[in-house]
Amino acid sequence: MTIQVNGRAISEREINIESAHHPAEDPRLSQRQAAVALVIRELLLDRAEQALAKPGADDAAEQEAIIERLLEAELVYPKADDQACRRYYQQNPDRFRSPDLYEARHILLAARRKT
């Protein structure tokens, strides 16, 4: 299987290598997730080339750096104020709770001695 993204071919070999980063019980799911990840990576690199006027990089580390610069330049994260944080906390209490450490089956209490 070869996938074309904006004129660039993503080979089956590349998909097989990438699938190691997408473990799944069904190998087809792993292959699909790997293919999606490579397509997204290629689209991000194409966008970075347009937005940052940078030619494509061959080195994986350099590609990661280019994608990181693109995301920093184009993504805008809203600043959360105290009220928004408090509202999120109150609406999502389970996300801020750690699991129980113990699950007691019996609770034993010492009986008072008669004197």
Protein backbone atom coordinates (compact mmCIF):
# COMPACT_ATOMS: atom_id res chain seq x y z
CA MET A 1 0.00 0.00 0.00
CA THR A 2 1.36 3.40 -0.98
CA ILE A 3 -0.30 6.64 0.02
CA GLN A 4 0.07 9.92 -1.88
CA VAL A 5 0.03 13.22 0.01
CA ASN A 6 0.47 16.37 -2.07
CA GLY A 7 2.58 14.52 -4.58
CA ARG A 8 4.79 12.73 -2.05
CA ALA A 9 4.50 8.96 -1.70
CA ILE A 10 4.44 7.37 1.73
CA SER A 11 5.62 3.83 1.23
CA GLU A 12 4.47 0.66 2.90
CA ARG A 13 7.94 0.38 4.43
CA GLU A 14 7.55 3.79 6.12
CA ILE A 15 4.12 2.76 7.41
CA ASN A 16 5.55 -0.50 8.79
CA ILE A 17 8.34 1.37 10.59
CA GLU A 18 5.89 3.93 12.02
CA SER A 19 3.47 1.20 13.14
CA ALA A 20 5.94 0.27 15.90
CA HIS A 21 4.88 3.55 17.57
CA HIS A 22 1.18 2.60 17.39
CA PRO A 23 0.74 -0.71 19.21
CA ALA A 24 -2.65 -2.36 18.85
CA GLU A 25 -3.99 -5.88 19.18
CA ASP A 26 -5.11 -5.82 15.56
CA PRO A 27 -2.12 -5.23 13.24
CA ARG A 28 -4.44 -3.57 10.70
CA LEU A 29 -5.37 -0.94 13.28
CA SER A 30 -1.69 -0.35 14.01
CA GLN A 31 -1.01 0.07 10.29
CA ARG A 32 -3.96 2.46 9.92
CA GLN A 33 -2.88 4.59 12.87
CA ALA A 34 0.66 4.71 11.49
CA ALA A 35 -0.60 5.77 8.05
CA VAL A 36 -2.75 8.53 9.57
CA ALA A 37 0.20 9.79 11.64
CA LEU A 38 2.45 9.92 8.57
CA VAL A 39 -0.19 11.74 6.52
CA ILE A 40 -0.66 14.33 9.27
CA ARG A 41 3.12 14.73 9.56
CA GLU A 42 3.42 15.30 5.82
CA LEU A 43 0.60 17.86 5.83
CA LEU A 44 2.25 19.70 8.74
CA LEU A 45 5.59 19.73 6.94
CA ASP A 46 3.92 21.09 3.78
CA ARG A 47 2.20 23.82 5.81
CA ALA A 48 5.47 24.66 7.57
CA GLU A 49 7.20 24.98 4.24
CA GLN A 50 4.54 27.48 3.11
CA ALA A 51 4.19 29.42 6.36
CA LEU A 52 7.80 29.55 7.43
CA ALA A 53 9.30 29.71 3.94
CA LYS A 54 11.55 26.82 4.90
CA PRO A 55 12.49 24.11 2.44
CA GLY A 56 11.66 20.54 3.48
CA ALA A 57 14.08 18.79 5.78
CA ASP A 58 15.34 15.25 5.37
CA ASP A 59 16.43 14.69 8.97
CA ALA A 60 13.68 13.51 11.37
CA ALA A 61 14.92 15.72 14.21
CA GLU A 62 14.96 18.75 11.92
CA GLN A 63 11.44 17.91 10.71
CA GLU A 64 10.25 17.75 14.34
CA ALA A 65 11.82 21.15 15.01
CA ILE A 66 10.13 22.65 11.93
CA ILE A 67 6.74 21.25 12.97
CA GLU A 68 7.28 22.59 16.51
CA ARG A 69 8.04 26.09 15.14
CA LEU A 70 4.94 25.94 12.95
CA LEU A 71 2.71 24.98 15.87
CA GLU A 72 4.19 27.71 18.07
CA ALA A 73 3.60 30.28 15.32
CA GLU A 74 0.06 29.28 14.37
CA LEU A 75 -1.64 27.90 17.47
CA VAL A 76 -3.20 30.33 19.87
CA TYR A 77 -4.00 29.15 23.38
CA PRO A 78 -6.40 31.25 25.41
CA LYS A 79 -5.25 32.32 28.86
CA ALA A 80 -7.42 30.87 31.59
CA ASP A 81 -8.38 33.13 34.46
CA ASP A 82 -9.17 31.94 38.00
CA GLN A 83 -12.89 31.82 37.33
CA ALA A 84 -12.49 29.63 34.23
CA CYS A 85 -10.15 27.28 36.09
CA ARG A 86 -12.54 27.01 39.03
CA ARG A 87 -15.47 26.34 36.68
CA TYR A 88 -13.51 23.60 34.86
CA TYR A 89 -12.53 22.03 38.20
CA GLN A 90 -16.14 22.02 39.41
CA GLN A 91 -17.40 20.51 36.14
CA ASN A 92 -14.73 17.78 36.06
CA PRO A 93 -14.15 16.59 39.64
CA ASP A 94 -13.20 13.04 38.59
CA ARG A 95 -10.20 14.32 36.65
CA PHE A 96 -8.76 15.79 39.85
CA ARG A 97 -9.16 12.74 42.05
CA SER A 98 -6.63 9.99 42.48
CA PRO A 99 -7.86 6.40 42.59
CA ASP A 100 -8.56 4.77 45.94
CA LEU A 101 -5.46 3.37 47.55
CA TYR A 102 -7.29 0.65 49.47
CA GLU A 103 -10.55 -1.14 49.04
CA ALA A 104 -11.57 -2.38 52.47
CA ARG A 105 -13.61 -5.55 52.80
CA HIS A 106 -13.77 -5.43 56.60
CA ILE A 107 -13.28 -2.67 59.09
CA LEU A 108 -12.23 -3.95 62.47
CA LEU A 109 -12.68 -1.82 65.56
CA ALA A 110 -11.26 -2.61 68.93
CA ALA A 111 -13.97 -3.31 71.49
CA ARG A 112 -13.90 -1.48 74.79
CA ARG A 113 -12.86 -3.54 77.74
CA LYS A 114 -15.21 -3.85 80.65
CA THR A 115 -13.57 -2.88 83.88
